[in-house]
Amino acid sequence: MDRAAYIGWRTAVALAETGSRLVNAAVFGGSTHQTLSARAHIDPDFLRMQRRIDWFFRNLPFWKELDHCASAWMAEVDRARRTLDRAGVLS
C-alpha cells in the first residue's frame, strides 16, 4: 500500500473509531475512551450487541475477522500498554 493510500485508510479507521466512541458515550452512557465494539466484548449486558456487531463484520465482503469485538478489545489493551510503556509506567 502506498503512503497516500495508507494515510487515507488510517484516517478512515480513526474516524470510524471516533464515531464508535461517540455512540458508546452519547447513546449508551459509556466511556469516550472505549469503542462500542470493545465495550460489547467485556460488558455482559451487551452480549446481544456483541453478537450483532460480530455478525455485521463477518458479513462484510472485505473484512475477514471472525471475532471483531474481541479484536477491538485487544487493540485497545495493546494501545494502552504502548502508552504506559512510552510514559515509563510499565518499566
C-alpha atoms as a PDB file:
ATOM      1  CA  MET A   1       0.000   0.000   0.000  1.00  0.00           C
ATOM      2  CA  ASP A   2       1.489   3.340  -0.949  1.00  0.00           C
ATOM      3  CA  ARG A   3       1.758   6.159   1.571  1.00  0.00           C
ATOM      4  CA  ALA A   4      -1.261   8.148   0.332  1.00  0.00           C
ATOM      5  CA  ALA A   5      -3.497   5.066   0.498  1.00  0.00           C
ATOM      6  CA  TYR A   6      -2.158   4.227   3.962  1.00  0.00           C
ATOM      7  CA  ILE A   7      -2.860   7.748   5.232  1.00  0.00           C
ATOM      8  CA  GLY A   8      -6.368   7.601   3.789  1.00  0.00           C
ATOM      9  CA  TRP A   9      -7.010   4.185   5.353  1.00  0.00           C
ATOM     10  CA  ARG A  10      -5.701   5.223   8.796  1.00  0.00           C
ATOM     11  CA  THR A  11      -7.787   8.414   8.666  1.00  0.00           C
ATOM     12  CA  ALA A  12     -10.927   6.423   7.807  1.00  0.00           C
ATOM     13  CA  VAL A  13     -10.225   3.984  10.656  1.00  0.00           C
ATOM     14  CA  ALA A  14      -9.634   6.848  13.104  1.00  0.00           C
ATOM     15  CA  LEU A  15     -12.930   8.490  12.095  1.00  0.00           C
ATOM     16  CA  ALA A  16     -14.807   5.189  12.481  1.00  0.00           C
ATOM     17  CA  GLU A  17     -13.273   4.668  15.930  1.00  0.00           C
ATOM     18  CA  THR A  18     -14.196   8.210  16.942  1.00  0.00           C
ATOM     19  CA  GLY A  19     -17.773   7.629  15.800  1.00  0.00           C
ATOM     20  CA  SER A  20     -17.912   4.367  17.746  1.00  0.00           C
ATOM     21  CA  ARG A  21     -16.615   6.093  20.881  1.00  0.00           C
ATOM     22  CA  LEU A  22     -19.200   8.853  20.423  1.00  0.00           C
ATOM     23  CA  VAL A  23     -22.038   6.328  20.136  1.00  0.00           C
ATOM     24  CA  ASN A  24     -20.737   4.415  23.169  1.00  0.00           C
ATOM     25  CA  ALA A  25     -20.660   7.580  25.267  1.00  0.00           C
ATOM     26  CA  ALA A  26     -23.625   9.584  23.976  1.00  0.00           C
ATOM     27  CA  VAL A  27     -26.118   6.804  23.308  1.00  0.00           C
ATOM     28  CA  PHE A  28     -25.123   4.075  25.770  1.00  0.00           C
ATOM     29  CA  GLY A  29     -23.580   6.164  28.579  1.00  0.00           C
ATOM     30  CA  GLY A  30     -20.150   4.556  28.266  1.00  0.00           C
ATOM     31  CA  SER A  31     -16.660   5.978  28.182  1.00  0.00           C
ATOM     32  CA  THR A  32     -15.252   8.060  25.353  1.00  0.00           C
ATOM     33  CA  HIS A  33     -12.059   6.030  25.825  1.00  0.00           C
ATOM     34  CA  GLN A  34     -13.717   2.820  24.624  1.00  0.00           C
ATOM     35  CA  THR A  35     -15.289   1.839  21.324  1.00  0.00           C
ATOM     36  CA  LEU A  36     -18.722   0.271  21.309  1.00  0.00           C
ATOM     37  CA  SER A  37     -17.204  -2.973  19.991  1.00  0.00           C
ATOM     38  CA  ALA A  38     -14.690  -3.219  22.842  1.00  0.00           C
ATOM     39  CA  ARG A  39     -17.406  -2.475  25.385  1.00  0.00           C
ATOM     40  CA  ALA A  40     -19.680  -5.093  23.863  1.00  0.00           C
ATOM     41  CA  HIS A  41     -16.896  -7.648  24.299  1.00  0.00           C
ATOM     42  CA  ILE A  42     -16.413  -7.098  28.047  1.00  0.00           C
ATOM     43  CA  ASP A  43     -19.851  -5.958  29.242  1.00  0.00           C
ATOM     44  CA  PRO A  44     -22.222  -8.884  29.899  1.00  0.00           C
ATOM     45  CA  ASP A  45     -25.206  -6.560  29.383  1.00  0.00           C
ATOM     46  CA  PHE A  46     -24.055  -6.051  25.787  1.00  0.00           C
ATOM     47  CA  LEU A  47     -23.895  -9.710  24.727  1.00  0.00           C
ATOM     48  CA  ARG A  48     -26.635  -9.257  22.120  1.00  0.00           C
ATOM     49  CA  MET A  49     -24.867  -6.139  20.844  1.00  0.00           C
ATOM     50  CA  GLN A  50     -21.614  -8.118  20.565  1.00  0.00           C
ATOM     51  CA  ARG A  51     -23.327 -10.810  18.517  1.00  0.00           C
ATOM     52  CA  ARG A  52     -24.831  -8.201  16.183  1.00  0.00           C
ATOM     53  CA  ILE A  53     -21.557  -6.335  15.717  1.00  0.00           C
ATOM     54  CA  ASP A  54     -19.606  -9.550  15.097  1.00  0.00           C
ATOM     55  CA  TRP A  55     -22.266 -10.741  12.623  1.00  0.00           C
ATOM     56  CA  PHE A  56     -22.080  -7.415  10.775  1.00  0.00           C
ATOM     57  CA  PHE A  57     -18.303  -7.520  10.390  1.00  0.00           C
ATOM     58  CA  ARG A  58     -18.277 -11.228   9.459  1.00  0.00           C
ATOM     59  CA  ASN A  59     -20.640 -10.455   6.582  1.00  0.00           C
ATOM     60  CA  LEU A  60     -18.666  -7.568   5.094  1.00  0.00           C
ATOM     61  CA  PRO A  61     -17.022  -8.752   1.867  1.00  0.00           C
ATOM     62  CA  PHE A  62     -13.699  -7.035   2.634  1.00  0.00           C
ATOM     63  CA  TRP A  63     -13.488  -7.940   6.335  1.00  0.00           C
ATOM     64  CA  LYS A  64     -12.083 -11.344   7.272  1.00  0.00           C
ATOM     65  CA  GLU A  65     -12.204 -11.017  11.046  1.00  0.00           C
ATOM     66  CA  LEU A  66     -14.479 -13.539  12.780  1.00  0.00           C
ATOM     67  CA  ASP A  67     -14.487 -12.018  16.260  1.00  0.00           C
ATOM     68  CA  HIS A  68     -14.403  -8.252  15.737  1.00  0.00           C
ATOM     69  CA  CYS A  69     -15.364  -7.271  19.295  1.00  0.00           C
ATOM     70  CA  ALA A  70     -12.591  -9.368  20.880  1.00  0.00           C
ATOM     71  CA  SER A  71     -10.090  -7.912  18.404  1.00  0.00           C
ATOM     72  CA  ALA A  72     -11.296  -4.382  19.184  1.00  0.00           C
ATOM     73  CA  TRP A  73     -10.828  -5.029  22.898  1.00  0.00           C
ATOM     74  CA  MET A  74      -7.313  -6.398  22.391  1.00  0.00           C
ATOM     75  CA  ALA A  75      -6.391  -3.442  20.160  1.00  0.00           C
ATOM     76  CA  GLU A  76      -7.422  -1.054  22.929  1.00  0.00           C
ATOM     77  CA  VAL A  77      -5.466  -3.030  25.546  1.00  0.00           C
ATOM     78  CA  ASP A  78      -2.382  -3.032  23.298  1.00  0.00           C
ATOM     79  CA  ARG A  79      -2.731   0.716  22.663  1.00  0.00           C
ATOM     80  CA  ALA A  80      -2.982   1.356  26.421  1.00  0.00           C
ATOM     81  CA  ARG A  81       0.084  -0.792  27.102  1.00  0.00           C
ATOM     82  CA  ARG A  82       2.112   1.091  24.470  1.00  0.00           C
ATOM     83  CA  THR A  83       1.047   4.407  26.004  1.00  0.00           C
ATOM     84  CA  LEU A  84       2.031   3.278  29.510  1.00  0.00           C
ATOM     85  CA  ASP A  85       5.302   1.867  28.225  1.00  0.00           C
ATOM     86  CA  ARG A  86       6.189   5.155  26.484  1.00  0.00           C
ATOM     87  CA  ALA A  87       5.413   7.001  29.707  1.00  0.00           C
ATOM     88  CA  GLY A  88       7.753   4.673  31.624  1.00  0.00           C
ATOM     89  CA  VAL A  89       4.973   3.351  33.858  1.00  0.00           C
ATOM     90  CA  LEU A  90       5.487  -0.311  32.952  1.00  0.00           C
ATOM     91  CA  SER A  91       9.284  -0.234  33.292  1.00  0.00           C
END
